[in-house]
Amino acid sequence: MTATNIVQGIWALSAIGLIILVLLHSPKGDGIGAIGGQAQLFSSTKSAEDTLNRVTWALTVIFMGLTVVLSAGWLS
């Protein structure tokens, strides 16, 4: 496997994760709190939303950064 293939795999996984996390967000602020058992992993619904926001932003930065790297052709 080349470095490009590995980066493309990470890029694809971050895209899928980003799609899932965006779908978990609720426009009314319910978000992950609406999913019964999942909210019990966190001390409160607010901390669940904060964690969801942080992970979403991290995946967004990873996805955009890898998009630039792959489109510029810096790995080949």
PDB file of N, CA and C in Angstrom:
ATOM      1  N   MET A   1       0.840  -1.187   0.000  1.00  0.00           N
ATOM      2  CA  MET A   1       0.000   0.000   0.000  1.00  0.00           C
ATOM      3  C   MET A   1       0.883   1.248   0.000  1.00  0.00           C
ATOM      4  N   THR A   2       0.454   2.196  -0.765  1.00  0.00           N
ATOM      5  CA  THR A   2       1.194   3.448  -0.821  1.00  0.00           C
ATOM      6  C   THR A   2       0.611   4.435   0.181  1.00  0.00           C
ATOM      7  N   ALA A   3       1.347   5.505   0.387  1.00  0.00           N
ATOM      8  CA  ALA A   3       0.878   6.547   1.315  1.00  0.00           C
ATOM      9  C   ALA A   3      -0.422   7.167   0.817  1.00  0.00           C
ATOM     10  N   THR A   4      -0.556   7.290  -0.495  1.00  0.00           N
ATOM     11  CA  THR A   4      -1.778   7.868  -1.058  1.00  0.00           C
ATOM     12  C   THR A   4      -2.989   7.006  -0.739  1.00  0.00           C
ATOM     13  N   ASN A   5      -2.834   5.691  -0.831  1.00  0.00           N
ATOM     14  CA  ASN A   5      -3.953   4.789  -0.518  1.00  0.00           C
ATOM     15  C   ASN A   5      -4.351   4.875   0.950  1.00  0.00           C
ATOM     16  N   ILE A   6      -3.378   4.968   1.821  1.00  0.00           N
ATOM     17  CA  ILE A   6      -3.661   5.079   3.255  1.00  0.00           C
ATOM     18  C   ILE A   6      -4.386   6.389   3.555  1.00  0.00           C
ATOM     19  N   VAL A   7      -3.909   7.479   2.973  1.00  0.00           N
ATOM     20  CA  VAL A   7      -4.538   8.783   3.199  1.00  0.00           C
ATOM     21  C   VAL A   7      -5.946   8.807   2.613  1.00  0.00           C
ATOM     22  N   GLN A   8      -6.147   8.164   1.460  1.00  0.00           N
ATOM     23  CA  GLN A   8      -7.483   8.091   0.875  1.00  0.00           C
ATOM     24  C   GLN A   8      -8.435   7.294   1.765  1.00  0.00           C
ATOM     25  N   GLY A   9      -7.935   6.246   2.398  1.00  0.00           N
ATOM     26  CA  GLY A   9      -8.753   5.475   3.326  1.00  0.00           C
ATOM     27  C   GLY A   9      -9.160   6.293   4.539  1.00  0.00           C
ATOM     28  N   ILE A  10      -8.214   7.021   5.110  1.00  0.00           N
ATOM     29  CA  ILE A  10      -8.519   7.888   6.250  1.00  0.00           C
ATOM     30  C   ILE A  10      -9.498   8.979   5.837  1.00  0.00           C
ATOM     31  N   TRP A  11      -9.309   9.513   4.635  1.00  0.00           N
ATOM     32  CA  TRP A  11     -10.186  10.559   4.103  1.00  0.00           C
ATOM     33  C   TRP A  11     -11.617  10.033   3.961  1.00  0.00           C
ATOM     34  N   ALA A  12     -11.761   8.814   3.422  1.00  0.00           N
ATOM     35  CA  ALA A  12     -13.088   8.224   3.246  1.00  0.00           C
ATOM     36  C   ALA A  12     -13.752   7.941   4.589  1.00  0.00           C
ATOM     37  N   LEU A  13     -12.990   7.420   5.548  1.00  0.00           N
ATOM     38  CA  LEU A  13     -13.555   7.156   6.886  1.00  0.00           C
ATOM     39  C   LEU A  13     -13.979   8.444   7.582  1.00  0.00           C
ATOM     40  N   SER A  14     -13.187   9.508   7.408  1.00  0.00           N
ATOM     41  CA  SER A  14     -13.570  10.779   8.024  1.00  0.00           C
ATOM     42  C   SER A  14     -14.826  11.338   7.364  1.00  0.00           C
ATOM     43  N   ALA A  15     -14.990  11.118   6.064  1.00  0.00           N
ATOM     44  CA  ALA A  15     -16.197  11.579   5.372  1.00  0.00           C
ATOM     45  C   ALA A  15     -17.433  10.847   5.885  1.00  0.00           C
ATOM     46  N   ILE A  16     -17.324   9.530   6.037  1.00  0.00           N
ATOM     47  CA  ILE A  16     -18.450   8.741   6.537  1.00  0.00           C
ATOM     48  C   ILE A  16     -18.780   9.129   7.974  1.00  0.00           C
ATOM     49  N   GLY A  17     -17.741   9.280   8.802  1.00  0.00           N
ATOM     50  CA  GLY A  17     -17.958   9.702  10.187  1.00  0.00           C
ATOM     51  C   GLY A  17     -18.584  11.078  10.275  1.00  0.00           C
ATOM     52  N   LEU A  18     -18.170  11.972   9.406  1.00  0.00           N
ATOM     53  CA  LEU A  18     -18.723  13.326   9.387  1.00  0.00           C
ATOM     54  C   LEU A  18     -20.198  13.301   9.007  1.00  0.00           C
ATOM     55  N   ILE A  19     -20.561  12.491   8.036  1.00  0.00           N
ATOM     56  CA  ILE A  19     -21.965  12.371   7.634  1.00  0.00           C
ATOM     57  C   ILE A  19     -22.808  11.864   8.803  1.00  0.00           C
ATOM     58  N   ILE A  20     -22.323  10.846   9.478  1.00  0.00           N
ATOM     59  CA  ILE A  20     -23.068  10.276  10.607  1.00  0.00           C
ATOM     60  C   ILE A  20     -23.220  11.298  11.731  1.00  0.00           C
ATOM     61  N   LEU A  21     -22.132  12.007  12.059  1.00  0.00           N
ATOM     62  CA  LEU A  21     -22.201  12.971  13.147  1.00  0.00           C
ATOM     63  C   LEU A  21     -23.106  14.152  12.820  1.00  0.00           C
ATOM     64  N   VAL A  22     -23.096  14.597  11.580  1.00  0.00           N
ATOM     65  CA  VAL A  22     -23.981  15.705  11.191  1.00  0.00           C
ATOM     66  C   VAL A  22     -25.437  15.262  11.295  1.00  0.00           C
ATOM     67  N   LEU A  23     -25.711  14.016  10.940  1.00  0.00           N
ATOM     68  CA  LEU A  23     -27.078  13.520  11.060  1.00  0.00           C
ATOM     69  C   LEU A  23     -27.510  13.366  12.516  1.00  0.00           C
ATOM     70  N   LEU A  24     -26.566  13.181  13.434  1.00  0.00           N
ATOM     71  CA  LEU A  24     -26.908  13.083  14.852  1.00  0.00           C
ATOM     72  C   LEU A  24     -27.266  14.430  15.461  1.00  0.00           C
ATOM     73  N   HIS A  25     -26.788  15.504  14.848  1.00  0.00           N
ATOM     74  CA  HIS A  25     -27.116  16.830  15.357  1.00  0.00           C
ATOM     75  C   HIS A  25     -28.595  17.108  15.159  1.00  0.00           C
ATOM     76  N   SER A  26     -29.177  17.798  16.120  1.00  0.00           N
ATOM     77  CA  SER A  26     -30.580  18.172  16.025  1.00  0.00           C
ATOM     78  C   SER A  26     -30.694  19.679  15.903  1.00  0.00           C
ATOM     79  N   PRO A  27     -31.541  20.153  15.018  1.00  0.00           N
ATOM     80  CA  PRO A  27     -31.685  21.606  14.868  1.00  0.00           C
ATOM     81  C   PRO A  27     -32.306  22.273  16.089  1.00  0.00           C
ATOM     82  N   LYS A  28     -32.995  21.505  16.923  1.00  0.00           N
ATOM     83  CA  LYS A  28     -33.629  22.069  18.109  1.00  0.00           C
ATOM     84  C   LYS A  28     -32.809  21.867  19.367  1.00  0.00           C
ATOM     85  N   GLY A  29     -31.622  21.322  19.231  1.00  0.00           N
ATOM     86  CA  GLY A  29     -30.763  21.124  20.395  1.00  0.00           C
ATOM     87  C   GLY A  29     -30.970  19.791  21.090  1.00  0.00           C
ATOM     88  N   ASP A  30     -31.851  18.927  20.570  1.00  0.00           N
ATOM     89  CA  ASP A  30     -32.045  17.619  21.179  1.00  0.00           C
ATOM     90  C   ASP A  30     -30.853  16.714  20.894  1.00  0.00           C
ATOM     91  N   GLY A  31     -30.452  16.666  19.645  1.00  0.00           N
ATOM     92  CA  GLY A  31     -29.275  15.922  19.230  1.00  0.00           C
ATOM     93  C   GLY A  31     -29.216  14.512  19.760  1.00  0.00           C
ATOM     94  N   ILE A  32     -28.090  14.178  20.335  1.00  0.00           N
ATOM     95  CA  ILE A  32     -27.848  12.820  20.807  1.00  0.00           C
ATOM     96  C   ILE A  32     -28.714  12.491  22.028  1.00  0.00           C
ATOM     97  N   GLY A  33     -29.245  13.487  22.696  1.00  0.00           N
ATOM     98  CA  GLY A  33     -30.111  13.254  23.840  1.00  0.00           C
ATOM     99  C   GLY A  33     -31.403  12.549  23.472  1.00  0.00           C
ATOM    100  N   ALA A  34     -31.796  12.637  22.207  1.00  0.00           N
ATOM    101  CA  ALA A  34     -33.019  11.992  21.753  1.00  0.00           C
ATOM    102  C   ALA A  34     -32.837  10.501  21.534  1.00  0.00           C
ATOM    103  N   ILE A  35     -31.612  10.028  21.568  1.00  0.00           N
ATOM    104  CA  ILE A  35     -31.331   8.616  21.320  1.00  0.00           C
ATOM    105  C   ILE A  35     -31.209   7.897  22.655  1.00  0.00           C
ATOM    106  N   GLY A  36     -32.242   7.732  23.349  1.00  0.00           N
ATOM    107  CA  GLY A  36     -32.342   7.019  24.612  1.00  0.00           C
ATOM    108  C   GLY A  36     -31.055   6.677  25.326  1.00  0.00           C
ATOM    109  N   GLY A  37     -30.505   5.492  25.101  1.00  0.00           N
ATOM    110  CA  GLY A  37     -29.366   4.977  25.851  1.00  0.00           C
ATOM    111  C   GLY A  37     -28.059   5.704  25.594  1.00  0.00           C
ATOM    112  N   GLN A  38     -27.899   6.325  24.475  1.00  0.00           N
ATOM    113  CA  GLN A  38     -26.642   6.992  24.165  1.00  0.00           C
ATOM    114  C   GLN A  38     -26.365   8.157  25.105  1.00  0.00           C
ATOM    115  N   ALA A  39     -27.387   8.834  25.556  1.00  0.00           N
ATOM    116  CA  ALA A  39     -27.187   9.990  26.425  1.00  0.00           C
ATOM    117  C   ALA A  39     -26.645   9.585  27.791  1.00  0.00           C
ATOM    118  N   GLN A  40     -26.770   8.318  28.180  1.00  0.00           N
ATOM    119  CA  GLN A  40     -26.300   7.865  29.472  1.00  0.00           C
ATOM    120  C   GLN A  40     -24.783   7.757  29.529  1.00  0.00           C
ATOM    121  N   LEU A  41     -24.120   7.821  28.390  1.00  0.00           N
ATOM    122  CA  LEU A  41     -22.661   7.786  28.379  1.00  0.00           C
ATOM    123  C   LEU A  41     -22.073   9.073  28.914  1.00  0.00           C
ATOM    124  N   PHE A  42     -22.835  10.123  28.915  1.00  0.00           N
ATOM    125  CA  PHE A  42     -22.363  11.436  29.329  1.00  0.00           C
ATOM    126  C   PHE A  42     -23.105  11.864  30.584  1.00  0.00           C
ATOM    127  N   SER A  43     -22.517  12.814  31.323  1.00  0.00           N
ATOM    128  CA  SER A  43     -23.150  13.237  32.569  1.00  0.00           C
ATOM    129  C   SER A  43     -24.406  14.061  32.322  1.00  0.00           C
ATOM    130  N   SER A  44     -24.479  14.721  31.182  1.00  0.00           N
ATOM    131  CA  SER A  44     -25.674  15.493  30.859  1.00  0.00           C
ATOM    132  C   SER A  44     -25.808  15.607  29.354  1.00  0.00           C
ATOM    133  N   THR A  45     -26.973  16.041  28.932  1.00  0.00           N
ATOM    134  CA  THR A  45     -27.210  16.234  27.500  1.00  0.00           C
ATOM    135  C   THR A  45     -26.313  17.327  26.952  1.00  0.00           C
ATOM    136  N   LYS A  46     -26.043  18.347  27.762  1.00  0.00           N
ATOM    137  CA  LYS A  46     -25.181  19.444  27.321  1.00  0.00           C
ATOM    138  C   LYS A  46     -23.760  18.949  27.049  1.00  0.00           C
ATOM    139  N   SER A  47     -23.231  18.094  27.906  1.00  0.00           N
ATOM    140  CA  SER A  47     -21.882  17.575  27.665  1.00  0.00           C
ATOM    141  C   SER A  47     -21.866  16.657  26.446  1.00  0.00           C
ATOM    142  N   ALA A  48     -22.973  15.956  26.199  1.00  0.00           N
ATOM    143  CA  ALA A  48     -23.063  15.113  25.003  1.00  0.00           C
ATOM    144  C   ALA A  48     -23.024  15.983  23.751  1.00  0.00           C
ATOM    145  N   GLU A  49     -23.738  17.093  23.760  1.00  0.00           N
ATOM    146  CA  GLU A  49     -23.730  18.008  22.616  1.00  0.00           C
ATOM    147  C   GLU A  49     -22.354  18.639  22.423  1.00  0.00           C
ATOM    148  N   ASP A  50     -21.719  19.014  23.519  1.00  0.00           N
ATOM    149  CA  ASP A  50     -20.378  19.600  23.424  1.00  0.00           C
ATOM    150  C   ASP A  50     -19.385  18.597  22.831  1.00  0.00           C
ATOM    151  N   THR A  51     -19.464  17.367  23.292  1.00  0.00           N
ATOM    152  CA  THR A  51     -18.582  16.326  22.764  1.00  0.00           C
ATOM    153  C   THR A  51     -18.874  16.067  21.288  1.00  0.00           C
ATOM    154  N   LEU A  52     -20.141  16.021  20.938  1.00  0.00           N
ATOM    155  CA  LEU A  52     -20.531  15.817  19.546  1.00  0.00           C
ATOM    156  C   LEU A  52     -20.013  16.951  18.664  1.00  0.00           C
ATOM    157  N   ASN A  53     -20.105  18.180  19.153  1.00  0.00           N
ATOM    158  CA  ASN A  53     -19.592  19.328  18.400  1.00  0.00           C
ATOM    159  C   ASN A  53     -18.076  19.258  18.222  1.00  0.00           C
ATOM    160  N   ARG A  54     -17.366  18.896  19.273  1.00  0.00           N
ATOM    161  CA  ARG A  54     -15.901  18.818  19.189  1.00  0.00           C
ATOM    162  C   ARG A  54     -15.450  17.742  18.200  1.00  0.00           C
ATOM    163  N   VAL A  55     -16.075  16.576  18.264  1.00  0.00           N
ATOM    164  CA  VAL A  55     -15.707  15.491  17.360  1.00  0.00           C
ATOM    165  C   VAL A  55     -16.055  15.862  15.916  1.00  0.00           C
ATOM    166  N   THR A  56     -17.193  16.520  15.728  1.00  0.00           N
ATOM    167  CA  THR A  56     -17.587  16.955  14.386  1.00  0.00           C
ATOM    168  C   THR A  56     -16.580  17.939  13.824  1.00  0.00           C
ATOM    169  N   TRP A  57     -16.163  18.910  14.621  1.00  0.00           N
ATOM    170  CA  TRP A  57     -15.172  19.883  14.149  1.00  0.00           C
ATOM    171  C   TRP A  57     -13.831  19.219  13.868  1.00  0.00           C
ATOM    172  N   ALA A  58     -13.431  18.277  14.705  1.00  0.00           N
ATOM    173  CA  ALA A  58     -12.159  17.583  14.472  1.00  0.00           C
ATOM    174  C   ALA A  58     -12.198  16.807  13.156  1.00  0.00           C
ATOM    175  N   LEU A  59     -13.288  16.097  12.907  1.00  0.00           N
ATOM    176  CA  LEU A  59     -13.409  15.367  11.648  1.00  0.00           C
ATOM    177  C   LEU A  59     -13.486  16.305  10.453  1.00  0.00           C
ATOM    178  N   THR A  60     -14.094  17.471  10.644  1.00  0.00           N
ATOM    179  CA  THR A  60     -14.152  18.456   9.562  1.00  0.00           C
ATOM    180  C   THR A  60     -12.763  18.947   9.197  1.00  0.00           C
ATOM    181  N   VAL A  61     -11.950  19.229  10.204  1.00  0.00           N
ATOM    182  CA  VAL A  61     -10.574  19.694   9.953  1.00  0.00           C
ATOM    183  C   VAL A  61      -9.756  18.596   9.267  1.00  0.00           C
ATOM    184  N   ILE A  62      -9.901  17.359   9.734  1.00  0.00           N
ATOM    185  CA  ILE A  62      -9.185  16.239   9.119  1.00  0.00           C
ATOM    186  C   ILE A  62      -9.618  16.065   7.672  1.00  0.00           C
ATOM    187  N   PHE A  63     -10.924  16.087   7.424  1.00  0.00           N
ATOM    188  CA  PHE A  63     -11.441  15.900   6.077  1.00  0.00           C
ATOM    189  C   PHE A  63     -10.968  17.008   5.138  1.00  0.00           C
ATOM    190  N   MET A  64     -11.070  18.247   5.566  1.00  0.00           N
ATOM    191  CA  MET A  64     -10.652  19.361   4.709  1.00  0.00           C
ATOM    192  C   MET A  64      -9.145  19.347   4.475  1.00  0.00           C
ATOM    193  N   GLY A  65      -8.371  19.048   5.502  1.00  0.00           N
ATOM    194  CA  GLY A  65      -6.923  18.995   5.347  1.00  0.00           C
ATOM    195  C   GLY A  65      -6.496  17.912   4.376  1.00  0.00           C
ATOM    196  N   LEU A  66      -7.081  16.733   4.514  1.00  0.00           N
ATOM    197  CA  LEU A  66      -6.746  15.646   3.600  1.00  0.00           C
ATOM    198  C   LEU A  66      -7.250  15.918   2.187  1.00  0.00           C
ATOM    199  N   THR A  67      -8.353  16.644   2.064  1.00  0.00           N
ATOM    200  CA  THR A  67      -8.839  17.028   0.741  1.00  0.00           C
ATOM    201  C   THR A  67      -7.815  17.903   0.026  1.00  0.00           C
ATOM    202  N   VAL A  68      -7.247  18.851   0.742  1.00  0.00           N
ATOM    203  CA  VAL A  68      -6.232  19.728   0.158  1.00  0.00           C
ATOM    204  C   VAL A  68      -4.993  18.923  -0.228  1.00  0.00           C
ATOM    205  N   VAL A  69      -4.553  18.044   0.668  1.00  0.00           N
ATOM    206  CA  VAL A  69      -3.348  17.243   0.405  1.00  0.00           C
ATOM    207  C   VAL A  69      -3.545  16.340  -0.808  1.00  0.00           C
ATOM    208  N   LEU A  70      -4.697  15.675  -0.887  1.00  0.00           N
ATOM    209  CA  LEU A  70      -4.957  14.759  -1.987  1.00  0.00           C
ATOM    210  C   LEU A  70      -5.157  15.509  -3.313  1.00  0.00           C
ATOM    211  N   SER A  71      -5.866  16.634  -3.269  1.00  0.00           N
ATOM    212  CA  SER A  71      -6.114  17.358  -4.525  1.00  0.00           C
ATOM    213  C   SER A  71      -4.858  18.055  -5.046  1.00  0.00           C
ATOM    214  N   ALA A  72      -3.949  18.433  -4.162  1.00  0.00           N
ATOM    215  CA  ALA A  72      -2.712  19.101  -4.589  1.00  0.00           C
ATOM    216  C   ALA A  72      -1.701  18.089  -5.119  1.00  0.00           C
ATOM    217  N   GLY A  73      -1.873  16.830  -4.815  1.00  0.00           N
ATOM    218  CA  GLY A  73      -0.966  15.804  -5.294  1.00  0.00           C
ATOM    219  C   GLY A  73       0.370  15.817  -4.590  1.00  0.00           C
ATOM    220  N   TRP A  74       0.395  16.220  -3.340  1.00  0.00           N
ATOM    221  CA  TRP A  74       1.643  16.337  -2.589  1.00  0.00           C
ATOM    222  C   TRP A  74       2.229  14.991  -2.190  1.00  0.00           C
ATOM    223  N   LEU A  75       1.457  13.930  -2.278  1.00  0.00           N
ATOM    224  CA  LEU A  75       1.934  12.616  -1.840  1.00  0.00           C
ATOM    225  C   LEU A  75       2.590  11.810  -2.954  1.00  0.00           C
ATOM    226  N   SER A  76       2.339  12.155  -4.188  1.00  0.00           N
ATOM    227  CA  SER A  76       2.878  11.338  -5.270  1.00  0.00           C
ATOM    228  C   SER A  76       4.155  11.895  -5.847  1.00  0.00           C
TER     229      SER A  76
END
